[in-house]
């Protein structure tokens, strides 16, 4: 069973930065591709970024491309999301997810989810 625990959320002013972390408790962590999704109040969950098991491939949504960076440390079973130049529209609950399949933007491809961490960007 895969357990994912996110941390690093909080309140930040527009233009600021945050780094989210997601620690996975699974022995075969380096066989999973990892993704970050977010959900704002009243909106559907949307894709943010994903990274392949090796870290060699990364996908981003258009809304965060150039501002967010996803990375992973397989020795620590952890994936990160560095968020820079934050905007009020980035406010959401951010979820970490793991998939045994190849890197994907589709939330249905992810089998395991964390509990989420709140990110609030004030204007």
PDB file of N, CA and C in Angstrom:
ATOM      1  N   UNK A   1       0.831  -1.185   0.000  1.00  0.00           N
ATOM      2  CA  UNK A   1       0.000   0.000   0.000  1.00  0.00           C
ATOM      3  C   UNK A   1       0.875   1.248   0.000  1.00  0.00           C
ATOM      4  N   UNK A   2       0.460   2.232  -0.768  1.00  0.00           N
ATOM      5  CA  UNK A   2       1.210   3.471  -0.885  1.00  0.00           C
ATOM      6  C   UNK A   2       0.521   4.546  -0.054  1.00  0.00           C
ATOM      7  N   UNK A   3       1.283   5.181   0.813  1.00  0.00           N
ATOM      8  CA  UNK A   3       0.777   6.318   1.568  1.00  0.00           C
ATOM      9  C   UNK A   3       1.577   7.554   1.193  1.00  0.00           C
ATOM     10  N   UNK A   4       0.867   8.645   0.940  1.00  0.00           N
ATOM     11  CA  UNK A   4       1.483   9.893   0.522  1.00  0.00           C
ATOM     12  C   UNK A   4       1.117  10.988   1.512  1.00  0.00           C
ATOM     13  N   UNK A   5       2.115  11.749   1.938  1.00  0.00           N
ATOM     14  CA  UNK A   5       1.877  12.821   2.898  1.00  0.00           C
ATOM     15  C   UNK A   5       2.501  14.103   2.360  1.00  0.00           C
ATOM     16  N   UNK A   6       1.637  15.093   2.090  1.00  0.00           N
ATOM     17  CA  UNK A   6       2.098  16.384   1.586  1.00  0.00           C
ATOM     18  C   UNK A   6       2.407  17.328   2.742  1.00  0.00           C
ATOM     19  N   UNK A   7       3.303  18.258   2.478  1.00  0.00           N
ATOM     20  CA  UNK A   7       3.614  19.316   3.438  1.00  0.00           C
ATOM     21  C   UNK A   7       4.122  20.524   2.666  1.00  0.00           C
ATOM     22  N   UNK A   8       4.187  21.661   3.362  1.00  0.00           N
ATOM     23  CA  UNK A   8       4.765  22.852   2.761  1.00  0.00           C
ATOM     24  C   UNK A   8       3.771  23.909   2.318  1.00  0.00           C
ATOM     25  N   UNK A   9       2.490  23.618   2.427  1.00  0.00           N
ATOM     26  CA  UNK A   9       1.495  24.611   2.050  1.00  0.00           C
ATOM     27  C   UNK A   9       1.456  25.755   3.047  1.00  0.00           C
ATOM     28  N   UNK A  10       0.701  26.795   2.694  1.00  0.00           N
ATOM     29  CA  UNK A  10       0.585  27.922   3.597  1.00  0.00           C
ATOM     30  C   UNK A  10       0.051  29.143   2.900  1.00  0.00           C
ATOM     31  N   UNK A  11       0.185  30.277   3.571  1.00  0.00           N
ATOM     32  CA  UNK A  11      -0.285  31.561   3.049  1.00  0.00           C
ATOM     33  C   UNK A  11       0.921  32.368   2.574  1.00  0.00           C
ATOM     34  N   UNK A  12       0.827  32.894   1.361  1.00  0.00           N
ATOM     35  CA  UNK A  12       1.927  33.672   0.797  1.00  0.00           C
ATOM     36  C   UNK A  12       1.339  34.816  -0.027  1.00  0.00           C
ATOM     37  N   UNK A  13       2.080  35.899  -0.121  1.00  0.00           N
ATOM     38  CA  UNK A  13       1.631  37.016  -0.945  1.00  0.00           C
ATOM     39  C   UNK A  13       1.914  36.744  -2.419  1.00  0.00           C
ATOM     40  N   UNK A  14       1.141  37.390  -3.263  1.00  0.00           N
ATOM     41  CA  UNK A  14       1.362  37.254  -4.702  1.00  0.00           C
ATOM     42  C   UNK A  14       2.804  37.627  -5.047  1.00  0.00           C
ATOM     43  N   UNK A  15       3.408  36.828  -5.912  1.00  0.00           N
ATOM     44  CA  UNK A  15       4.796  37.014  -6.280  1.00  0.00           C
ATOM     45  C   UNK A  15       5.763  36.202  -5.437  1.00  0.00           C
ATOM     46  N   UNK A  16       5.264  35.625  -4.363  1.00  0.00           N
ATOM     47  CA  UNK A  16       6.113  34.855  -3.470  1.00  0.00           C
ATOM     48  C   UNK A  16       6.300  33.419  -3.935  1.00  0.00           C
ATOM     49  N   UNK A  17       6.961  32.634  -3.097  1.00  0.00           N
ATOM     50  CA  UNK A  17       7.294  31.252  -3.430  1.00  0.00           C
ATOM     51  C   UNK A  17       6.949  30.314  -2.285  1.00  0.00           C
ATOM     52  N   UNK A  18       6.672  29.081  -2.652  1.00  0.00           N
ATOM     53  CA  UNK A  18       6.493  27.991  -1.695  1.00  0.00           C
ATOM     54  C   UNK A  18       7.065  26.733  -2.317  1.00  0.00           C
ATOM     55  N   UNK A  19       7.496  25.814  -1.469  1.00  0.00           N
ATOM     56  CA  UNK A  19       7.911  24.499  -1.956  1.00  0.00           C
ATOM     57  C   UNK A  19       7.099  23.441  -1.233  1.00  0.00           C
ATOM     58  N   UNK A  20       6.370  22.677  -2.000  1.00  0.00           N
ATOM     59  CA  UNK A  20       5.607  21.557  -1.464  1.00  0.00           C
ATOM     60  C   UNK A  20       6.446  20.291  -1.518  1.00  0.00           C
ATOM     61  N   UNK A  21       6.245  19.441  -0.534  1.00  0.00           N
ATOM     62  CA  UNK A  21       6.911  18.143  -0.499  1.00  0.00           C
ATOM     63  C   UNK A  21       5.859  17.058  -0.342  1.00  0.00           C
ATOM     64  N   UNK A  22       6.172  15.901  -0.860  1.00  0.00           N
ATOM     65  CA  UNK A  22       5.279  14.751  -0.723  1.00  0.00           C
ATOM     66  C   UNK A  22       6.148  13.531  -0.449  1.00  0.00           C
ATOM     67  N   UNK A  23       6.014  12.987   0.755  1.00  0.00           N
ATOM     68  CA  UNK A  23       6.776  11.820   1.147  1.00  0.00           C
ATOM     69  C   UNK A  23       5.932  10.566   0.956  1.00  0.00           C
ATOM     70  N   UNK A  24       6.521   9.570   0.335  1.00  0.00           N
ATOM     71  CA  UNK A  24       5.805   8.329   0.043  1.00  0.00           C
ATOM     72  C   UNK A  24       6.351   7.190   0.893  1.00  0.00           C
ATOM     73  N   UNK A  25       5.439   6.417   1.438  1.00  0.00           N
ATOM     74  CA  UNK A  25       5.844   5.236   2.207  1.00  0.00           C
ATOM     75  C   UNK A  25       5.565   4.008   1.362  1.00  0.00           C
ATOM     76  N   UNK A  26       6.516   3.672   0.528  1.00  0.00           N
ATOM     77  CA  UNK A  26       6.399   2.502  -0.338  1.00  0.00           C
ATOM     78  C   UNK A  26       7.809   2.059  -0.691  1.00  0.00           C
ATOM     79  N   UNK A  27       8.020   0.760  -0.740  1.00  0.00           N
ATOM     80  CA  UNK A  27       9.369   0.248  -0.983  1.00  0.00           C
ATOM     81  C   UNK A  27       9.804   0.442  -2.422  1.00  0.00           C
ATOM     82  N   UNK A  28       8.829   0.450  -3.327  1.00  0.00           N
ATOM     83  CA  UNK A  28       9.168   0.542  -4.757  1.00  0.00           C
ATOM     84  C   UNK A  28       8.854   1.927  -5.302  1.00  0.00           C
ATOM     85  N   UNK A  29       9.171   2.953  -4.529  1.00  0.00           N
ATOM     86  CA  UNK A  29       8.836   4.331  -4.908  1.00  0.00           C
ATOM     87  C   UNK A  29       9.376   4.685  -6.277  1.00  0.00           C
ATOM     88  N   UNK A  30      10.572   4.202  -6.592  1.00  0.00           N
ATOM     89  CA  UNK A  30      11.183   4.604  -7.843  1.00  0.00           C
ATOM     90  C   UNK A  30      10.578   3.907  -9.060  1.00  0.00           C
ATOM     91  N   UNK A  31       9.514   3.128  -8.859  1.00  0.00           N
ATOM     92  CA  UNK A  31       8.794   2.556  -9.991  1.00  0.00           C
ATOM     93  C   UNK A  31       7.506   3.327 -10.291  1.00  0.00           C
ATOM     94  N   UNK A  32       7.235   4.380  -9.516  1.00  0.00           N
ATOM     95  CA  UNK A  32       6.017   5.157  -9.690  1.00  0.00           C
ATOM     96  C   UNK A  32       6.319   6.504 -10.351  1.00  0.00           C
ATOM     97  N   UNK A  33       5.474   6.882 -11.285  1.00  0.00           N
ATOM     98  CA  UNK A  33       5.487   8.271 -11.721  1.00  0.00           C
ATOM     99  C   UNK A  33       4.643   9.057 -10.718  1.00  0.00           C
ATOM    100  N   UNK A  34       4.977  10.330 -10.546  1.00  0.00           N
ATOM    101  CA  UNK A  34       4.348  11.144  -9.521  1.00  0.00           C
ATOM    102  C   UNK A  34       3.739  12.387 -10.144  1.00  0.00           C
ATOM    103  N   UNK A  35       2.637  12.829  -9.555  1.00  0.00           N
ATOM    104  CA  UNK A  35       1.976  14.025 -10.078  1.00  0.00           C
ATOM    105  C   UNK A  35       1.489  14.928  -8.971  1.00  0.00           C
ATOM    106  N   UNK A  36       1.311  16.177  -9.340  1.00  0.00           N
ATOM    107  CA  UNK A  36       0.670  17.159  -8.469  1.00  0.00           C
ATOM    108  C   UNK A  36      -0.595  17.656  -9.172  1.00  0.00           C
ATOM    109  N   UNK A  37      -1.666  17.697  -8.407  1.00  0.00           N
ATOM    110  CA  UNK A  37      -2.942  18.218  -8.882  1.00  0.00           C
ATOM    111  C   UNK A  37      -3.416  19.265  -7.876  1.00  0.00           C
ATOM    112  N   UNK A  38      -4.381  20.058  -8.268  1.00  0.00           N
ATOM    113  CA  UNK A  38      -4.933  21.037  -7.331  1.00  0.00           C
ATOM    114  C   UNK A  38      -6.433  21.189  -7.558  1.00  0.00           C
ATOM    115  N   UNK A  39      -7.092  21.622  -6.494  1.00  0.00           N
ATOM    116  CA  UNK A  39      -8.534  21.836  -6.581  1.00  0.00           C
ATOM    117  C   UNK A  39      -8.911  23.078  -5.798  1.00  0.00           C
ATOM    118  N   UNK A  40      -9.464  24.040  -6.504  1.00  0.00           N
ATOM    119  CA  UNK A  40      -9.943  25.264  -5.883  1.00  0.00           C
ATOM    120  C   UNK A  40     -11.426  25.094  -5.542  1.00  0.00           C
ATOM    121  N   UNK A  41     -11.930  25.871  -4.586  1.00  0.00           N
ATOM    122  CA  UNK A  41     -13.342  25.751  -4.204  1.00  0.00           C
ATOM    123  C   UNK A  41     -14.271  25.924  -5.398  1.00  0.00           C
ATOM    124  N   UNK A  42     -15.191  24.986  -5.554  1.00  0.00           N
ATOM    125  CA  UNK A  42     -16.162  25.068  -6.632  1.00  0.00           C
ATOM    126  C   UNK A  42     -15.646  24.673  -7.992  1.00  0.00           C
ATOM    127  N   UNK A  43     -14.408  24.206  -8.049  1.00  0.00           N
ATOM    128  CA  UNK A  43     -13.819  23.818  -9.333  1.00  0.00           C
ATOM    129  C   UNK A  43     -13.404  22.364  -9.312  1.00  0.00           C
ATOM    130  N   UNK A  44     -13.213  21.818 -10.509  1.00  0.00           N
ATOM    131  CA  UNK A  44     -12.771  20.436 -10.612  1.00  0.00           C
ATOM    132  C   UNK A  44     -11.273  20.342 -10.325  1.00  0.00           C
ATOM    133  N   UNK A  45     -10.853  19.139  -9.954  1.00  0.00           N
ATOM    134  CA  UNK A  45      -9.436  18.911  -9.731  1.00  0.00           C
ATOM    135  C   UNK A  45      -8.703  19.031 -11.064  1.00  0.00           C
ATOM    136  N   UNK A  46      -7.584  19.750 -11.061  1.00  0.00           N
ATOM    137  CA  UNK A  46      -6.860  19.957 -12.298  1.00  0.00           C
ATOM    138  C   UNK A  46      -5.399  19.553 -12.159  1.00  0.00           C
ATOM    139  N   UNK A  47      -4.845  19.134 -13.276  1.00  0.00           N
ATOM    140  CA  UNK A  47      -3.451  18.732 -13.345  1.00  0.00           C
ATOM    141  C   UNK A  47      -2.537  19.948 -13.193  1.00  0.00           C
ATOM    142  N   UNK A  48      -1.432  19.755 -12.460  1.00  0.00           N
ATOM    143  CA  UNK A  48      -0.436  20.811 -12.308  1.00  0.00           C
ATOM    144  C   UNK A  48       0.889  20.394 -12.936  1.00  0.00           C
ATOM    145  N   UNK A  49       1.422  19.253 -12.483  1.00  0.00           N
ATOM    146  CA  UNK A  49       2.728  18.811 -12.971  1.00  0.00           C
ATOM    147  C   UNK A  49       2.884  17.322 -12.708  1.00  0.00           C
ATOM    148  N   UNK A  50       3.757  16.680 -13.484  1.00  0.00           N
ATOM    149  CA  UNK A  50       4.039  15.263 -13.295  1.00  0.00           C
ATOM    150  C   UNK A  50       5.482  14.979 -13.649  1.00  0.00           C
ATOM    151  N   UNK A  51       6.005  13.905 -13.073  1.00  0.00           N
ATOM    152  CA  UNK A  51       7.393  13.526 -13.308  1.00  0.00           C
ATOM    153  C   UNK A  51       7.479  12.014 -13.416  1.00  0.00           C
ATOM    154  N   UNK A  52       8.306  11.536 -14.332  1.00  0.00           N
ATOM    155  CA  UNK A  52       8.456  10.100 -14.533  1.00  0.00           C
ATOM    156  C   UNK A  52       9.233   9.476 -13.383  1.00  0.00           C
ATOM    157  N   UNK A  53       9.259   8.141 -13.347  1.00  0.00           N
ATOM    158  CA  UNK A  53       9.899   7.450 -12.234  1.00  0.00           C
ATOM    159  C   UNK A  53      11.380   7.801 -12.124  1.00  0.00           C
ATOM    160  N   UNK A  54      12.024   8.046 -13.258  1.00  0.00           N
ATOM    161  CA  UNK A  54      13.461   8.345 -13.252  1.00  0.00           C
ATOM    162  C   UNK A  54      13.742   9.827 -13.047  1.00  0.00           C
ATOM    163  N   UNK A  55      12.707  10.649 -13.204  1.00  0.00           N
ATOM    164  CA  UNK A  55      12.909  12.090 -13.164  1.00  0.00           C
ATOM    165  C   UNK A  55      13.336  12.672 -14.490  1.00  0.00           C
ATOM    166  N   UNK A  56      13.402  11.845 -15.515  1.00  0.00           N
ATOM    167  CA  UNK A  56      13.883  12.314 -16.799  1.00  0.00           C
ATOM    168  C   UNK A  56      12.838  13.005 -17.653  1.00  0.00           C
ATOM    169  N   UNK A  57      11.568  12.804 -17.321  1.00  0.00           N
ATOM    170  CA  UNK A  57      10.488  13.451 -18.088  1.00  0.00           C
ATOM    171  C   UNK A  57       9.575  14.201 -17.141  1.00  0.00           C
ATOM    172  N   UNK A  58       9.155  15.381 -17.569  1.00  0.00           N
ATOM    173  CA  UNK A  58       8.267  16.201 -16.745  1.00  0.00           C
ATOM    174  C   UNK A  58       7.201  16.839 -17.626  1.00  0.00           C
ATOM    175  N   UNK A  59       6.006  16.925 -17.113  1.00  0.00           N
ATOM    176  CA  UNK A  59       4.908  17.620 -17.781  1.00  0.00           C
ATOM    177  C   UNK A  59       4.426  18.740 -16.861  1.00  0.00           C
ATOM    178  N   UNK A  60       3.952  19.814 -17.476  1.00  0.00           N
ATOM    179  CA  UNK A  60       3.367  20.922 -16.722  1.00  0.00           C
ATOM    180  C   UNK A  60       2.088  21.383 -17.403  1.00  0.00           C
ATOM    181  N   UNK A  61       1.185  21.917 -16.618  1.00  0.00           N
ATOM    182  CA  UNK A  61       0.027  22.577 -17.213  1.00  0.00           C
ATOM    183  C   UNK A  61       0.482  23.932 -17.749  1.00  0.00           C
ATOM    184  N   UNK A  62      -0.259  24.443 -18.697  1.00  0.00           N
ATOM    185  CA  UNK A  62       0.103  25.731 -19.283  1.00  0.00           C
ATOM    186  C   UNK A  62       0.073  26.852 -18.253  1.00  0.00           C
ATOM    187  N   UNK A  63      -0.810  26.728 -17.286  1.00  0.00           N
ATOM    188  CA  UNK A  63      -0.976  27.804 -16.308  1.00  0.00           C
ATOM    189  C   UNK A  63       0.200  27.939 -15.342  1.00  0.00           C
ATOM    190  N   UNK A  64       1.023  26.892 -15.219  1.00  0.00           N
ATOM    191  CA  UNK A  64       2.144  26.947 -14.281  1.00  0.00           C
ATOM    192  C   UNK A  64       3.496  26.828 -14.972  1.00  0.00           C
ATOM    193  N   UNK A  65       3.497  26.517 -16.263  1.00  0.00           N
ATOM    194  CA  UNK A  65       4.751  26.361 -17.002  1.00  0.00           C
ATOM    195  C   UNK A  65       5.606  27.608 -16.839  1.00  0.00           C
ATOM    196  N   UNK A  66       6.877  27.385 -16.489  1.00  0.00           N
ATOM    197  CA  UNK A  66       7.797  28.506 -16.311  1.00  0.00           C
ATOM    198  C   UNK A  66       7.812  29.089 -14.911  1.00  0.00           C
ATOM    199  N   UNK A  67       6.829  28.733 -14.099  1.00  0.00           N
ATOM    200  CA  UNK A  67       6.781  29.240 -12.717  1.00  0.00           C
ATOM    201  C   UNK A  67       6.981  28.127 -11.692  1.00  0.00           C
ATOM    202  N   UNK A  68       6.496  26.942 -12.002  1.00  0.00           N
ATOM    203  CA  UNK A  68       6.593  25.795 -11.094  1.00  0.00           C
ATOM    204  C   UNK A  68       7.611  24.795 -11.633  1.00  0.00           C
ATOM    205  N   UNK A  69       8.259  24.091 -10.699  1.00  0.00           N
ATOM    206  CA  UNK A  69       9.210  23.044 -11.070  1.00  0.00           C
ATOM    207  C   UNK A  69       8.960  21.814 -10.222  1.00  0.00           C
ATOM    208  N   UNK A  70       8.775  20.689 -10.887  1.00  0.00           N
ATOM    209  CA  UNK A  70       8.612  19.428 -10.177  1.00  0.00           C
ATOM    210  C   UNK A  70       9.939  18.689 -10.185  1.00  0.00           C
ATOM    211  N   UNK A  71      10.247  18.031  -9.075  1.00  0.00           N
ATOM    212  CA  UNK A  71      11.475  17.241  -8.990  1.00  0.00           C
ATOM    213  C   UNK A  71      11.240  16.106  -8.012  1.00  0.00           C
ATOM    214  N   UNK A  72      12.154  15.159  -8.001  1.00  0.00           N
ATOM    215  CA  UNK A  72      12.011  14.039  -7.069  1.00  0.00           C
ATOM    216  C   UNK A  72      13.375  13.585  -6.596  1.00  0.00           C
ATOM    217  N   UNK A  73      13.373  13.014  -5.391  1.00  0.00           N
ATOM    218  CA  UNK A  73      14.573  12.417  -4.810  1.00  0.00           C
ATOM    219  C   UNK A  73      14.210  10.991  -4.444  1.00  0.00           C
ATOM    220  N   UNK A  74      14.592  10.051  -5.277  1.00  0.00           N
ATOM    221  CA  UNK A  74      14.200   8.660  -5.046  1.00  0.00           C
ATOM    222  C   UNK A  74      14.865   8.062  -3.814  1.00  0.00           C
ATOM    223  N   UNK A  75      15.989   8.612  -3.407  1.00  0.00           N
ATOM    224  CA  UNK A  75      16.650   8.124  -2.197  1.00  0.00           C
ATOM    225  C   UNK A  75      15.842   8.493  -0.952  1.00  0.00           C
ATOM    226  N   UNK A  76      15.042   9.549  -1.062  1.00  0.00           N
ATOM    227  CA  UNK A  76      14.230  10.007   0.065  1.00  0.00           C
ATOM    228  C   UNK A  76      12.739   9.718  -0.129  1.00  0.00           C
ATOM    229  N   UNK A  77      12.403   9.039  -1.227  1.00  0.00           N
ATOM    230  CA  UNK A  77      10.993   8.749  -1.520  1.00  0.00           C
ATOM    231  C   UNK A  77      10.137  10.015  -1.482  1.00  0.00           C
ATOM    232  N   UNK A  78      10.639  11.074  -2.056  1.00  0.00           N
ATOM    233  CA  UNK A  78       9.963  12.365  -1.958  1.00  0.00           C
ATOM    234  C   UNK A  78       9.916  13.059  -3.310  1.00  0.00           C
ATOM    235  N   UNK A  79       8.774  13.684  -3.574  1.00  0.00           N
ATOM    236  CA  UNK A  79       8.619  14.526  -4.753  1.00  0.00           C
ATOM    237  C   UNK A  79       8.353  15.946  -4.269  1.00  0.00           C
ATOM    238  N   UNK A  80       8.843  16.912  -5.040  1.00  0.00           N
ATOM    239  CA  UNK A  80       8.735  18.306  -4.652  1.00  0.00           C
ATOM    240  C   UNK A  80       8.019  19.102  -5.746  1.00  0.00           C
ATOM    241  N   UNK A  81       7.421  20.202  -5.319  1.00  0.00           N
ATOM    242  CA  UNK A  81       6.877  21.160  -6.274  1.00  0.00           C
ATOM    243  C   UNK A  81       7.317  22.550  -5.821  1.00  0.00           C
ATOM    244  N   UNK A  82       8.282  23.101  -6.525  1.00  0.00           N
ATOM    245  CA  UNK A  82       8.742  24.456  -6.252  1.00  0.00           C
ATOM    246  C   UNK A  82       7.839  25.420  -7.011  1.00  0.00           C
ATOM    247  N   UNK A  83       7.208  26.315  -6.272  1.00  0.00           N
ATOM    248  CA  UNK A  83       6.255  27.242  -6.869  1.00  0.00           C
ATOM    249  C   UNK A  83       6.759  28.669  -6.700  1.00  0.00           C
ATOM    250  N   UNK A  84       7.051  29.310  -7.800  1.00  0.00           N
ATOM    251  CA  UNK A  84       7.537  30.687  -7.796  1.00  0.00           C
ATOM    252  C   UNK A  84       6.529  31.604  -8.486  1.00  0.00           C
ATOM    253  N   UNK A  85       6.690  32.889  -8.256  1.00  0.00           N
ATOM    254  CA  UNK A  85       5.807  33.902  -8.877  1.00  0.00           C
ATOM    255  C   UNK A  85       4.343  33.529  -8.693  1.00  0.00           C
ATOM    256  N   UNK A  86       3.991  33.204  -7.477  1.00  0.00           N
ATOM    257  CA  UNK A  86       2.631  32.741  -7.205  1.00  0.00           C
ATOM    258  C   UNK A  86       1.609  33.834  -7.457  1.00  0.00           C
ATOM    259  N   UNK A  87       0.436  33.399  -7.912  1.00  0.00           N
ATOM    260  CA  UNK A  87      -0.672  34.293  -8.229  1.00  0.00           C
ATOM    261  C   UNK A  87      -1.883  33.909  -7.393  1.00  0.00           C
ATOM    262  N   UNK A  88      -2.788  34.840  -7.150  1.00  0.00           N
ATOM    263  CA  UNK A  88      -4.003  34.491  -6.390  1.00  0.00           C
ATOM    264  C   UNK A  88      -4.759  33.315  -7.002  1.00  0.00           C
ATOM    265  N   UNK A  89      -4.721  33.173  -8.315  1.00  0.00           N
ATOM    266  CA  UNK A  89      -5.429  32.059  -8.960  1.00  0.00           C
ATOM    267  C   UNK A  89      -4.759  30.704  -8.733  1.00  0.00           C
ATOM    268  N   UNK A  90      -3.583  30.702  -8.097  1.00  0.00           N
ATOM    269  CA  UNK A  90      -2.951  29.442  -7.705  1.00  0.00           C
ATOM    270  C   UNK A  90      -3.505  28.912  -6.389  1.00  0.00           C
ATOM    271  N   UNK A  91      -4.359  29.686  -5.732  1.00  0.00           N
ATOM    272  CA  UNK A  91      -4.942  29.263  -4.471  1.00  0.00           C
ATOM    273  C   UNK A  91      -5.783  28.008  -4.662  1.00  0.00           C
ATOM    274  N   UNK A  92      -5.465  26.974  -3.891  1.00  0.00           N
ATOM    275  CA  UNK A  92      -6.147  25.690  -4.025  1.00  0.00           C
ATOM    276  C   UNK A  92      -5.592  24.726  -2.984  1.00  0.00           C
ATOM    277  N   UNK A  93      -6.247  23.585  -2.875  1.00  0.00           N
ATOM    278  CA  UNK A  93      -5.664  22.457  -2.152  1.00  0.00           C
ATOM    279  C   UNK A  93      -4.844  21.667  -3.166  1.00  0.00           C
ATOM    280  N   UNK A  94      -3.597  21.426  -2.824  1.00  0.00           N
ATOM    281  CA  UNK A  94      -2.676  20.724  -3.718  1.00  0.00           C
ATOM    282  C   UNK A  94      -2.533  19.280  -3.253  1.00  0.00           C
ATOM    283  N   UNK A  95      -2.685  18.368  -4.214  1.00  0.00           N
ATOM    284  CA  UNK A  95      -2.625  16.940  -3.939  1.00  0.00           C
ATOM    285  C   UNK A  95      -1.453  16.300  -4.666  1.00  0.00           C
ATOM    286  N   UNK A  96      -0.793  15.414  -3.962  1.00  0.00           N
ATOM    287  CA  UNK A  96       0.253  14.584  -4.535  1.00  0.00           C
ATOM    288  C   UNK A  96      -0.387  13.250  -4.925  1.00  0.00           C
ATOM    289  N   UNK A  97       0.069  12.661  -6.034  1.00  0.00           N
ATOM    290  CA  UNK A  97      -0.490  11.391  -6.476  1.00  0.00           C
ATOM    291  C   UNK A  97       0.593  10.512  -7.081  1.00  0.00           C
ATOM    292  N   UNK A  98       0.377   9.208  -6.996  1.00  0.00           N
ATOM    293  CA  UNK A  98       1.344   8.237  -7.522  1.00  0.00           C
ATOM    294  C   UNK A  98       0.663   7.300  -8.502  1.00  0.00           C
ATOM    295  N   UNK A  99       1.369   7.005  -9.576  1.00  0.00           N
ATOM    296  CA  UNK A  99       0.837   6.105 -10.588  1.00  0.00           C
ATOM    297  C   UNK A  99       1.870   5.046 -10.942  1.00  0.00           C
ATOM    298  N   UNK A 100       1.441   3.781 -11.054  1.00  0.00           N
ATOM    299  CA  UNK A 100       2.367   2.729 -11.474  1.00  0.00           C
ATOM    300  C   UNK A 100       2.595   2.733 -12.987  1.00  0.00           C
ATOM    301  N   UNK A 101       1.894   3.607 -13.681  1.00  0.00           N
ATOM    302  CA  UNK A 101       1.984   3.693 -15.136  1.00  0.00           C
ATOM    303  C   UNK A 101       2.936   4.801 -15.528  1.00  0.00           C
ATOM    304  N   UNK A 102       3.075   4.993 -16.827  1.00  0.00           N
ATOM    305  CA  UNK A 102       3.957   6.048 -17.316  1.00  0.00           C
ATOM    306  C   UNK A 102       3.369   7.411 -16.973  1.00  0.00           C
ATOM    307  N   UNK A 103       4.218   8.414 -16.930  1.00  0.00           N
ATOM    308  CA  UNK A 103       3.845   9.776 -16.597  1.00  0.00           C
ATOM    309  C   UNK A 103       2.596  10.211 -17.373  1.00  0.00           C
ATOM    310  N   UNK A 104       1.676  10.876 -16.671  1.00  0.00           N
ATOM    311  CA  UNK A 104       0.406  11.229 -17.281  1.00  0.00           C
ATOM    312  C   UNK A 104      -0.134  12.524 -16.705  1.00  0.00           C
ATOM    313  N   UNK A 105      -0.959  13.219 -17.482  1.00  0.00           N
ATOM    314  CA  UNK A 105      -1.684  14.411 -17.030  1.00  0.00           C
ATOM    315  C   UNK A 105      -3.081  14.041 -16.528  1.00  0.00           C
ATOM    316  N   UNK A 106      -3.478  12.803 -16.703  1.00  0.00           N
ATOM    317  CA  UNK A 106      -4.844  12.387 -16.389  1.00  0.00           C
ATOM    318  C   UNK A 106      -4.954  11.877 -14.959  1.00  0.00           C
ATOM    319  N   UNK A 107      -5.828  12.488 -14.177  1.00  0.00           N
ATOM    320  CA  UNK A 107      -5.929  12.085 -12.771  1.00  0.00           C
ATOM    321  C   UNK A 107      -6.392  10.639 -12.636  1.00  0.00           C
ATOM    322  N   UNK A 108      -7.105  10.116 -13.630  1.00  0.00           N
ATOM    323  CA  UNK A 108      -7.601   8.733 -13.549  1.00  0.00           C
ATOM    324  C   UNK A 108      -6.471   7.715 -13.619  1.00  0.00           C
ATOM    325  N   UNK A 109      -5.293   8.128 -14.065  1.00  0.00           N
ATOM    326  CA  UNK A 109      -4.151   7.219 -14.162  1.00  0.00           C
ATOM    327  C   UNK A 109      -3.444   7.050 -12.825  1.00  0.00           C
ATOM    328  N   UNK A 110      -3.839   7.834 -11.836  1.00  0.00           N
ATOM    329  CA  UNK A 110      -3.165   7.809 -10.542  1.00  0.00           C
ATOM    330  C   UNK A 110      -4.001   7.017  -9.536  1.00  0.00           C
ATOM    331  N   UNK A 111      -3.352   6.070  -8.901  1.00  0.00           N
ATOM    332  CA  UNK A 111      -4.043   5.154  -7.995  1.00  0.00           C
ATOM    333  C   UNK A 111      -3.988   5.585  -6.537  1.00  0.00           C
ATOM    334  N   UNK A 112      -3.010   6.394  -6.190  1.00  0.00           N
ATOM    335  CA  UNK A 112      -2.785   6.726  -4.786  1.00  0.00           C
ATOM    336  C   UNK A 112      -2.702   8.244  -4.632  1.00  0.00           C
ATOM    337  N   UNK A 113      -3.359   8.742  -3.583  1.00  0.00           N
ATOM    338  CA  UNK A 113      -3.458  10.186  -3.375  1.00  0.00           C
ATOM    339  C   UNK A 113      -3.144  10.548  -1.926  1.00  0.00           C
ATOM    340  N   UNK A 114      -2.538  11.716  -1.759  1.00  0.00           N
ATOM    341  CA  UNK A 114      -2.337  12.245  -0.424  1.00  0.00           C
ATOM    342  C   UNK A 114      -3.585  12.980   0.041  1.00  0.00           C
ATOM    343  N   UNK A 115      -3.509  13.527   1.247  1.00  0.00           N
ATOM    344  CA  UNK A 115      -4.662  14.186   1.849  1.00  0.00           C
ATOM    345  C   UNK A 115      -4.795  15.635   1.411  1.00  0.00           C
ATOM    346  N   UNK A 116      -3.751  16.170   0.798  1.00  0.00           N
ATOM    347  CA  UNK A 116      -3.794  17.533   0.289  1.00  0.00           C
ATOM    348  C   UNK A 116      -3.202  18.531   1.270  1.00  0.00           C
ATOM    349  N   UNK A 117      -2.696  19.628   0.719  1.00  0.00           N
ATOM    350  CA  UNK A 117      -2.167  20.721   1.525  1.00  0.00           C
ATOM    351  C   UNK A 117      -2.665  22.038   0.929  1.00  0.00           C
ATOM    352  N   UNK A 118      -3.108  22.934   1.790  1.00  0.00           N
ATOM    353  CA  UNK A 118      -3.716  24.179   1.326  1.00  0.00           C
ATOM    354  C   UNK A 118      -2.644  25.198   0.962  1.00  0.00           C
ATOM    355  N   UNK A 119      -2.801  25.803  -0.198  1.00  0.00           N
ATOM    356  CA  UNK A 119      -1.963  26.921  -0.631  1.00  0.00           C
ATOM    357  C   UNK A 119      -2.888  28.110  -0.864  1.00  0.00           C
ATOM    358  N   UNK A 120      -2.600  29.206  -0.179  1.00  0.00           N
ATOM    359  CA  UNK A 120      -3.404  30.415  -0.325  1.00  0.00           C
ATOM    360  C   UNK A 120      -2.488  31.567  -0.715  1.00  0.00           C
ATOM    361  N   UNK A 121      -2.811  32.211  -1.831  1.00  0.00           N
ATOM    362  CA  UNK A 121      -2.010  33.323  -2.322  1.00  0.00           C
ATOM    363  C   UNK A 121      -2.855  34.593  -2.224  1.00  0.00           C
ATOM    364  N   UNK A 122      -2.392  35.538  -1.433  1.00  0.00           N
ATOM    365  CA  UNK A 122      -3.129  36.781  -1.250  1.00  0.00           C
ATOM    366  C   UNK A 122      -2.649  37.842  -2.250  1.00  0.00           C
ATOM    367  N   UNK A 123      -3.573  38.688  -2.643  1.00  0.00           N
ATOM    368  CA  UNK A 123      -3.235  39.730  -3.632  1.00  0.00           C
ATOM    369  C   UNK A 123      -2.739  40.996  -2.959  1.00  0.00           C
TER     370      UNK A 123
END
